Amino acid sequence: MNRVGRVASHVNASLSSPDSQLAATPTAGFCTAEKADDDVVICCAVRTPLTKAKRGSFAHTSPEELLSFVFRAVVEKTKVNPKDIGDIQIGNVLQPGASGLTSRMGQFMAELPYDIPLSTVNRQCSSSLQATAYIAAAIKSGIIDVGLAG
């Protein structure tokens, strides 16, 4: 596909006719293609309860402990063998103190194997979305078969 020519035709069309609209085209995020064996599938979604920071029922519960419950719930609900998990990506927005180590400690507290690589990403309000995108990309490219993101 000639990307520059396509973009130029969009610009030219809108200049010559103010009423013209761009034609919708499928993208990676919105695709009407048939299902394929290499499609990335989200098998489970869990989360911690919402609370106000430093107040409420979880005021004295560490982030590591909360995350360990999430890890355990994912393994329990999906019945995935933890040894099959190839990577863990966790969104972490401006976490004070140990920062990325918090997620790693949650992994250990959930008794997930220590040899599963884990990293954290800070992308402000979209940190967990970015973590999920990293895992999906790793699965799609064949680097891993199973990943955990949050």
N, C-alpha and C. Protein backbone atom coordinates (compact mmCIF):
# COMPACT_ATOMS: atom_id res chain seq x y z
N MET A 1 0.85 -1.18 0.00
CA MET A 1 0.00 0.00 0.00
C MET A 1 0.89 1.24 0.00
N ASN A 2 0.56 2.19 -0.82
CA ASN A 2 1.31 3.43 -0.90
C ASN A 2 0.77 4.40 0.14
N ARG A 3 1.39 4.39 1.31
CA ARG A 3 0.88 5.16 2.46
C ARG A 3 0.87 6.66 2.18
N VAL A 4 1.93 7.18 1.61
CA VAL A 4 2.01 8.62 1.35
C VAL A 4 0.93 9.03 0.35
N GLY A 5 0.78 8.25 -0.70
CA GLY A 5 -0.26 8.56 -1.69
C GLY A 5 -1.65 8.51 -1.10
N ARG A 6 -1.87 7.54 -0.23
CA ARG A 6 -3.20 7.40 0.41
C ARG A 6 -3.50 8.61 1.30
N VAL A 7 -2.51 9.00 2.11
CA VAL A 7 -2.70 10.16 2.99
C VAL A 7 -2.90 11.42 2.15
N ALA A 8 -2.12 11.56 1.09
CA ALA A 8 -2.25 12.74 0.23
C ALA A 8 -3.64 12.80 -0.41
N SER A 9 -4.18 11.65 -0.80
CA SER A 9 -5.52 11.65 -1.40
C SER A 9 -6.58 12.08 -0.39
N HIS A 10 -6.38 11.73 0.88
CA HIS A 10 -7.32 12.17 1.92
C HIS A 10 -7.28 13.69 2.06
N VAL A 11 -6.08 14.24 2.07
CA VAL A 11 -5.92 15.68 2.22
C VAL A 11 -6.50 16.40 1.01
N ASN A 12 -6.16 15.93 -0.18
CA ASN A 12 -6.66 16.55 -1.40
C ASN A 12 -8.18 16.47 -1.49
N ALA A 13 -8.75 15.33 -1.11
CA ALA A 13 -10.20 15.16 -1.18
C ALA A 13 -10.91 16.15 -0.26
N SER A 14 -10.36 16.34 0.92
CA SER A 14 -11.02 17.24 1.87
C SER A 14 -10.87 18.70 1.46
N LEU A 15 -9.79 19.03 0.74
CA LEU A 15 -9.62 20.40 0.29
C LEU A 15 -10.56 20.72 -0.87
N SER A 16 -10.73 19.75 -1.78
CA SER A 16 -11.55 20.02 -2.96
C SER A 16 -13.04 19.96 -2.67
N SER A 17 -13.43 19.19 -1.68
CA SER A 17 -14.85 19.04 -1.37
C SER A 17 -15.04 19.02 0.14
N PRO A 18 -15.52 20.11 0.73
CA PRO A 18 -15.65 20.16 2.18
C PRO A 18 -16.64 19.15 2.74
N ASP A 19 -17.55 18.63 1.90
CA ASP A 19 -18.53 17.66 2.37
C ASP A 19 -18.03 16.22 2.31
N SER A 20 -16.88 16.00 1.68
CA SER A 20 -16.40 14.62 1.55
C SER A 20 -15.90 14.10 2.89
N GLN A 21 -16.05 12.80 3.08
CA GLN A 21 -15.59 12.16 4.31
C GLN A 21 -14.58 11.09 3.96
N LEU A 22 -13.70 10.82 4.90
CA LEU A 22 -12.73 9.76 4.71
C LEU A 22 -13.43 8.42 4.82
N ALA A 23 -13.01 7.49 4.01
CA ALA A 23 -13.59 6.15 4.08
C ALA A 23 -13.00 5.41 5.27
N ALA A 24 -13.86 4.70 5.99
CA ALA A 24 -13.39 3.90 7.13
C ALA A 24 -12.58 2.73 6.62
N THR A 25 -11.46 2.49 7.24
CA THR A 25 -10.63 1.34 6.88
C THR A 25 -10.26 0.58 8.13
N PRO A 26 -10.18 -0.75 8.03
CA PRO A 26 -9.83 -1.55 9.20
C PRO A 26 -8.42 -1.22 9.68
N THR A 27 -8.23 -1.28 10.98
CA THR A 27 -6.91 -1.10 11.57
C THR A 27 -6.62 -2.29 12.47
N ALA A 28 -5.44 -2.32 13.06
CA ALA A 28 -5.10 -3.42 13.96
C ALA A 28 -6.05 -3.47 15.15
N GLY A 29 -6.52 -2.32 15.61
CA GLY A 29 -7.41 -2.27 16.75
C GLY A 29 -8.86 -2.59 16.41
N PHE A 30 -9.25 -2.38 15.16
CA PHE A 30 -10.63 -2.66 14.74
C PHE A 30 -10.54 -3.38 13.41
N CYS A 31 -10.65 -4.67 13.46
CA CYS A 31 -10.47 -5.47 12.26
C CYS A 31 -11.62 -6.44 12.11
N THR A 32 -12.16 -6.51 10.92
CA THR A 32 -13.26 -7.44 10.66
C THR A 32 -12.75 -8.74 10.05
N ALA A 33 -11.46 -8.98 10.14
CA ALA A 33 -10.87 -10.19 9.56
C ALA A 33 -11.38 -11.43 10.28
N GLU A 34 -11.25 -12.54 9.61
CA GLU A 34 -11.64 -13.82 10.19
C GLU A 34 -10.76 -14.15 11.39
N LYS A 35 -11.30 -14.97 12.28
CA LYS A 35 -10.51 -15.43 13.42
C LYS A 35 -9.37 -16.29 12.92
N ALA A 36 -8.23 -16.19 13.61
CA ALA A 36 -7.05 -16.95 13.22
C ALA A 36 -6.44 -17.61 14.44
N ASP A 37 -5.63 -18.63 14.19
CA ASP A 37 -4.99 -19.36 15.29
C ASP A 37 -4.02 -18.50 16.08
N ASP A 38 -3.49 -17.45 15.47
CA ASP A 38 -2.52 -16.62 16.17
C ASP A 38 -3.15 -15.36 16.79
N ASP A 39 -4.47 -15.31 16.89
CA ASP A 39 -5.13 -14.19 17.56
C ASP A 39 -4.78 -14.16 19.04
N VAL A 40 -4.58 -12.98 19.59
CA VAL A 40 -4.33 -12.82 21.02
C VAL A 40 -5.68 -12.74 21.73
N VAL A 41 -5.82 -13.52 22.80
CA VAL A 41 -7.09 -13.60 23.51
C VAL A 41 -6.88 -13.24 24.98
N ILE A 42 -7.73 -12.35 25.50
CA ILE A 42 -7.72 -12.04 26.93
C ILE A 42 -8.65 -13.04 27.59
N CYS A 43 -8.11 -13.82 28.51
CA CYS A 43 -8.86 -14.92 29.13
C CYS A 43 -9.52 -14.55 30.44
N CYS A 44 -9.06 -13.51 31.09
CA CYS A 44 -9.57 -13.21 32.42
C CYS A 44 -9.30 -11.74 32.76
N ALA A 45 -10.23 -11.16 33.49
CA ALA A 45 -10.03 -9.79 33.97
C ALA A 45 -10.46 -9.73 35.43
N VAL A 46 -9.54 -9.35 36.29
CA VAL A 46 -9.83 -9.18 37.72
C VAL A 46 -9.20 -7.87 38.17
N ARG A 47 -9.65 -7.38 39.29
CA ARG A 47 -9.08 -6.15 39.84
C ARG A 47 -9.27 -6.11 41.34
N THR A 48 -8.55 -5.20 41.95
CA THR A 48 -8.72 -4.98 43.39
C THR A 48 -9.93 -4.07 43.58
N PRO A 49 -10.52 -4.07 44.76
CA PRO A 49 -11.63 -3.14 45.02
C PRO A 49 -11.15 -1.69 44.96
N LEU A 50 -12.03 -0.80 44.59
CA LEU A 50 -11.70 0.62 44.58
C LEU A 50 -11.79 1.18 45.99
N THR A 51 -10.79 1.94 46.36
CA THR A 51 -10.80 2.60 47.67
C THR A 51 -10.18 3.98 47.53
N LYS A 52 -10.37 4.79 48.51
CA LYS A 52 -9.70 6.10 48.55
C LYS A 52 -8.29 5.89 49.09
N ALA A 53 -7.35 6.59 48.52
CA ALA A 53 -5.96 6.45 48.93
C ALA A 53 -5.79 6.71 50.42
N LYS A 54 -5.14 5.79 51.09
CA LYS A 54 -4.79 5.89 52.51
C LYS A 54 -6.00 6.03 53.43
N ARG A 55 -7.19 5.61 52.94
CA ARG A 55 -8.40 5.63 53.77
C ARG A 55 -9.20 4.37 53.47
N GLY A 56 -10.14 4.07 54.32
CA GLY A 56 -11.05 2.95 54.07
C GLY A 56 -10.49 1.62 54.52
N SER A 57 -11.13 0.56 54.06
CA SER A 57 -10.82 -0.80 54.51
C SER A 57 -9.40 -1.25 54.20
N PHE A 58 -8.82 -0.73 53.13
CA PHE A 58 -7.49 -1.19 52.73
C PHE A 58 -6.40 -0.17 53.05
N ALA A 59 -6.66 0.73 53.96
CA ALA A 59 -5.70 1.79 54.29
C ALA A 59 -4.35 1.23 54.74
N HIS A 60 -4.38 0.08 55.42
CA HIS A 60 -3.13 -0.48 55.95
C HIS A 60 -2.72 -1.75 55.20
N THR A 61 -3.26 -1.94 54.01
CA THR A 61 -2.89 -3.10 53.18
C THR A 61 -1.88 -2.64 52.15
N SER A 62 -0.78 -3.36 52.05
CA SER A 62 0.28 -2.95 51.12
C SER A 62 -0.12 -3.25 49.68
N PRO A 63 0.43 -2.48 48.73
CA PRO A 63 0.16 -2.75 47.32
C PRO A 63 0.61 -4.15 46.91
N GLU A 64 1.70 -4.62 47.52
CA GLU A 64 2.20 -5.96 47.21
C GLU A 64 1.16 -7.02 47.55
N GLU A 65 0.53 -6.85 48.71
CA GLU A 65 -0.47 -7.82 49.15
C GLU A 65 -1.70 -7.78 48.23
N LEU A 66 -2.16 -6.58 47.88
CA LEU A 66 -3.30 -6.46 46.97
C LEU A 66 -2.99 -7.12 45.63
N LEU A 67 -1.80 -6.86 45.10
CA LEU A 67 -1.41 -7.44 43.82
C LEU A 67 -1.30 -8.95 43.89
N SER A 68 -0.82 -9.47 45.02
CA SER A 68 -0.70 -10.93 45.14
C SER A 68 -2.07 -11.60 45.06
N PHE A 69 -3.10 -10.96 45.61
CA PHE A 69 -4.46 -11.51 45.50
C PHE A 69 -4.93 -11.52 44.05
N VAL A 70 -4.58 -10.49 43.31
CA VAL A 70 -4.95 -10.42 41.89
C VAL A 70 -4.25 -11.53 41.12
N PHE A 71 -2.95 -11.70 41.35
CA PHE A 71 -2.21 -12.77 40.67
C PHE A 71 -2.82 -14.13 40.96
N ARG A 72 -3.11 -14.39 42.23
CA ARG A 72 -3.71 -15.68 42.60
C ARG A 72 -5.07 -15.88 41.94
N ALA A 73 -5.88 -14.82 41.90
CA ALA A 73 -7.21 -14.92 41.29
C ALA A 73 -7.12 -15.24 39.80
N VAL A 74 -6.17 -14.64 39.11
CA VAL A 74 -6.00 -14.91 37.67
C VAL A 74 -5.63 -16.37 37.45
N VAL A 75 -4.68 -16.87 38.22
CA VAL A 75 -4.25 -18.26 38.08
C VAL A 75 -5.41 -19.21 38.40
N GLU A 76 -6.15 -18.89 39.45
CA GLU A 76 -7.27 -19.74 39.85
C GLU A 76 -8.39 -19.74 38.80
N LYS A 77 -8.74 -18.58 38.29
CA LYS A 77 -9.85 -18.48 37.33
C LYS A 77 -9.50 -19.06 35.96
N THR A 78 -8.27 -18.88 35.52
CA THR A 78 -7.89 -19.34 34.18
C THR A 78 -7.36 -20.77 34.18
N LYS A 79 -6.98 -21.28 35.34
CA LYS A 79 -6.39 -22.62 35.46
C LYS A 79 -5.08 -22.73 34.68
N VAL A 80 -4.44 -21.59 34.44
CA VAL A 80 -3.16 -21.61 33.73
C VAL A 80 -2.08 -22.15 34.66
N ASN A 81 -1.17 -22.91 34.10
CA ASN A 81 -0.02 -23.38 34.86
C ASN A 81 0.94 -22.19 34.98
N PRO A 82 1.26 -21.75 36.19
CA PRO A 82 2.16 -20.60 36.35
C PRO A 82 3.49 -20.77 35.61
N LYS A 83 3.93 -22.00 35.40
CA LYS A 83 5.19 -22.22 34.68
C LYS A 83 5.06 -21.87 33.20
N ASP A 84 3.83 -21.77 32.70
CA ASP A 84 3.61 -21.42 31.29
C ASP A 84 3.61 -19.91 31.06
N ILE A 85 3.54 -19.12 32.12
CA ILE A 85 3.53 -17.66 31.98
C ILE A 85 4.92 -17.21 31.54
N GLY A 86 4.97 -16.52 30.40
CA GLY A 86 6.26 -16.11 29.85
C GLY A 86 6.70 -14.72 30.24
N ASP A 87 5.78 -13.88 30.69
CA ASP A 87 6.13 -12.51 31.05
C ASP A 87 4.99 -11.91 31.86
N ILE A 88 5.34 -10.98 32.73
CA ILE A 88 4.35 -10.23 33.50
C ILE A 88 4.68 -8.75 33.33
N GLN A 89 3.68 -7.96 32.97
CA GLN A 89 3.83 -6.50 32.85
C GLN A 89 2.77 -5.86 33.75
N ILE A 90 3.18 -4.96 34.60
CA ILE A 90 2.26 -4.31 35.53
C ILE A 90 2.37 -2.79 35.38
N GLY A 91 1.23 -2.14 35.25
CA GLY A 91 1.20 -0.68 35.23
C GLY A 91 1.37 -0.14 36.64
N ASN A 92 2.20 0.87 36.79
CA ASN A 92 2.54 1.39 38.11
C ASN A 92 2.68 2.91 38.00
N VAL A 93 1.68 3.64 38.44
CA VAL A 93 1.69 5.10 38.29
C VAL A 93 2.27 5.77 39.54
N LEU A 94 3.42 6.37 39.38
CA LEU A 94 4.04 7.17 40.43
C LEU A 94 4.03 6.51 41.80
N GLN A 95 4.34 5.22 41.83
CA GLN A 95 4.36 4.48 43.09
C GLN A 95 5.54 4.97 43.94
N PRO A 96 5.27 5.44 45.14
CA PRO A 96 6.38 5.88 45.99
C PRO A 96 7.16 4.68 46.54
N GLY A 97 8.35 4.94 46.97
CA GLY A 97 9.13 3.88 47.62
C GLY A 97 9.77 2.93 46.63
N ALA A 98 9.43 1.66 46.76
CA ALA A 98 10.09 0.60 46.00
C ALA A 98 9.74 0.59 44.52
N SER A 99 8.68 1.24 44.12
CA SER A 99 8.25 1.36 42.73
C SER A 99 8.11 0.00 42.05
N GLY A 100 8.96 -0.31 41.08
CA GLY A 100 8.86 -1.57 40.35
C GLY A 100 9.02 -2.79 41.21
N LEU A 101 9.73 -2.66 42.30
CA LEU A 101 9.93 -3.79 43.20
C LEU A 101 8.61 -4.22 43.84
N THR A 102 7.68 -3.31 43.97
CA THR A 102 6.37 -3.63 44.53
C THR A 102 5.69 -4.75 43.75
N SER A 103 5.73 -4.67 42.43
CA SER A 103 5.11 -5.69 41.59
C SER A 103 5.84 -7.02 41.72
N ARG A 104 7.15 -6.96 41.78
CA ARG A 104 7.94 -8.19 41.92
C ARG A 104 7.64 -8.86 43.26
N MET A 105 7.50 -8.08 44.31
CA MET A 105 7.17 -8.65 45.62
C MET A 105 5.77 -9.28 45.59
N GLY A 106 4.83 -8.65 44.89
CA GLY A 106 3.50 -9.24 44.73
C GLY A 106 3.56 -10.57 44.02
N GLN A 107 4.45 -10.67 43.05
CA GLN A 107 4.66 -11.94 42.34
C GLN A 107 5.14 -13.02 43.30
N PHE A 108 6.11 -12.70 44.13
CA PHE A 108 6.63 -13.67 45.10
C PHE A 108 5.58 -14.04 46.14
N MET A 109 4.83 -13.04 46.62
CA MET A 109 3.80 -13.31 47.63
C MET A 109 2.68 -14.20 47.07
N ALA A 110 2.46 -14.14 45.77
CA ALA A 110 1.45 -15.00 45.13
C ALA A 110 2.03 -16.37 44.80
N GLU A 111 3.30 -16.57 45.12
CA GLU A 111 4.00 -17.83 44.89
C GLU A 111 4.08 -18.19 43.41
N LEU A 112 4.20 -17.17 42.57
CA LEU A 112 4.46 -17.41 41.16
C LEU A 112 5.96 -17.67 41.01
N PRO A 113 6.36 -18.48 40.03
CA PRO A 113 7.78 -18.81 39.88
C PRO A 113 8.65 -17.56 39.76
N TYR A 114 9.80 -17.60 40.42
CA TYR A 114 10.70 -16.45 40.43
C TYR A 114 11.33 -16.20 39.07
N ASP A 115 11.35 -17.23 38.19
CA ASP A 115 12.00 -17.06 36.89
C ASP A 115 11.09 -16.46 35.82
N ILE A 116 9.87 -16.08 36.19
CA ILE A 116 9.02 -15.35 35.25
C ILE A 116 9.48 -13.89 35.26
N PRO A 117 9.90 -13.37 34.11
CA PRO A 117 10.32 -11.96 34.10
C PRO A 117 9.13 -11.04 34.37
N LEU A 118 9.38 -9.97 35.07
CA LEU A 118 8.34 -9.00 35.39
C LEU A 118 8.92 -7.61 35.21
N SER A 119 8.14 -6.74 34.62
CA SER A 119 8.55 -5.34 34.55
C SER A 119 7.33 -4.46 34.77
N THR A 120 7.60 -3.23 35.15
CA THR A 120 6.52 -2.28 35.38
C THR A 120 6.65 -1.15 34.37
N VAL A 121 5.52 -0.55 34.07
CA VAL A 121 5.49 0.56 33.13
C VAL A 121 4.69 1.70 33.77
N ASN A 122 5.21 2.91 33.63
CA ASN A 122 4.51 4.09 34.15
C ASN A 122 4.13 4.95 32.95
N ARG A 123 2.87 4.91 32.61
CA ARG A 123 2.35 5.75 31.54
C ARG A 123 1.14 6.51 32.04
N GLN A 124 1.28 7.01 33.25
CA GLN A 124 0.22 7.76 33.93
C GLN A 124 -1.09 6.98 33.90
N CYS A 125 -2.15 7.58 33.43
CA CYS A 125 -3.48 6.95 33.52
C CYS A 125 -3.65 5.73 32.63
N SER A 126 -2.77 5.53 31.68
CA SER A 126 -2.91 4.37 30.80
C SER A 126 -1.83 3.32 31.03
N SER A 127 -1.28 3.27 32.23
CA SER A 127 -0.20 2.33 32.53
C SER A 127 -0.63 0.88 32.34
N SER A 128 -1.79 0.50 32.86
CA SER A 128 -2.21 -0.90 32.73
C SER A 128 -2.58 -1.22 31.29
N LEU A 129 -3.11 -0.25 30.56
CA LEU A 129 -3.40 -0.46 29.14
C LEU A 129 -2.11 -0.68 28.36
N GLN A 130 -1.07 0.09 28.68
CA GLN A 130 0.21 -0.09 28.01
C GLN A 130 0.82 -1.44 28.36
N ALA A 131 0.70 -1.84 29.63
CA ALA A 131 1.21 -3.16 30.04
C ALA A 131 0.50 -4.26 29.25
N THR A 132 -0.81 -4.13 29.09
CA THR A 132 -1.58 -5.12 28.33
C THR A 132 -1.14 -5.13 26.87
N ALA A 133 -0.89 -3.96 26.30
CA ALA A 133 -0.43 -3.88 24.92
C ALA A 133 0.93 -4.55 24.74
N TYR A 134 1.83 -4.37 25.71
CA TYR A 134 3.14 -5.02 25.64
C TYR A 134 3.00 -6.54 25.64
N ILE A 135 2.13 -7.06 26.51
CA ILE A 135 1.93 -8.51 26.58
C ILE A 135 1.30 -9.00 25.28
N ALA A 136 0.29 -8.30 24.78
CA ALA A 136 -0.36 -8.70 23.52
C ALA A 136 0.65 -8.71 22.37
N ALA A 137 1.51 -7.72 22.31
CA ALA A 137 2.52 -7.65 21.25
C ALA A 137 3.52 -8.80 21.36
N ALA A 138 3.91 -9.14 22.59
CA ALA A 138 4.85 -10.25 22.79
C ALA A 138 4.22 -11.58 22.38
N ILE A 139 2.93 -11.75 22.66
CA ILE A 139 2.24 -12.97 22.26
C ILE A 139 2.09 -13.00 20.74
N LYS A 140 1.65 -11.91 20.15
CA LYS A 140 1.43 -11.84 18.70
C LYS A 140 2.71 -12.09 17.93
N SER A 141 3.84 -11.60 18.44
CA SER A 141 5.11 -11.77 17.74
C SER A 141 5.77 -13.12 18.02
N GLY A 142 5.17 -13.92 18.89
CA GLY A 142 5.70 -15.26 19.15
C GLY A 142 6.77 -15.32 20.21
N ILE A 143 7.02 -14.24 20.92
CA ILE A 143 8.04 -14.24 21.97
C ILE A 143 7.58 -15.08 23.15
N ILE A 144 6.30 -14.95 23.52
CA ILE A 144 5.72 -15.73 24.61
C ILE A 144 4.39 -16.31 24.15
N ASP A 145 3.90 -17.31 24.87
CA ASP A 145 2.58 -17.88 24.58
C ASP A 145 1.53 -17.40 25.56
N VAL A 146 1.94 -17.18 26.81
CA VAL A 146 1.02 -16.76 27.86
C VAL A 146 1.66 -15.61 28.62
N GLY A 147 0.89 -14.57 28.90
CA GLY A 147 1.40 -13.44 29.66
C GLY A 147 0.36 -12.94 30.62
N LEU A 148 0.82 -12.18 31.59
CA LEU A 148 -0.06 -11.61 32.60
C LEU A 148 0.18 -10.10 32.60
N ALA A 149 -0.89 -9.33 32.48
CA ALA A 149 -0.75 -7.87 32.44
C ALA A 149 -1.76 -7.23 33.37
N GLY A 150 -1.38 -6.09 33.92
CA GLY A 150 -2.33 -5.38 34.78
C GLY A 150 -1.87 -3.99 35.11
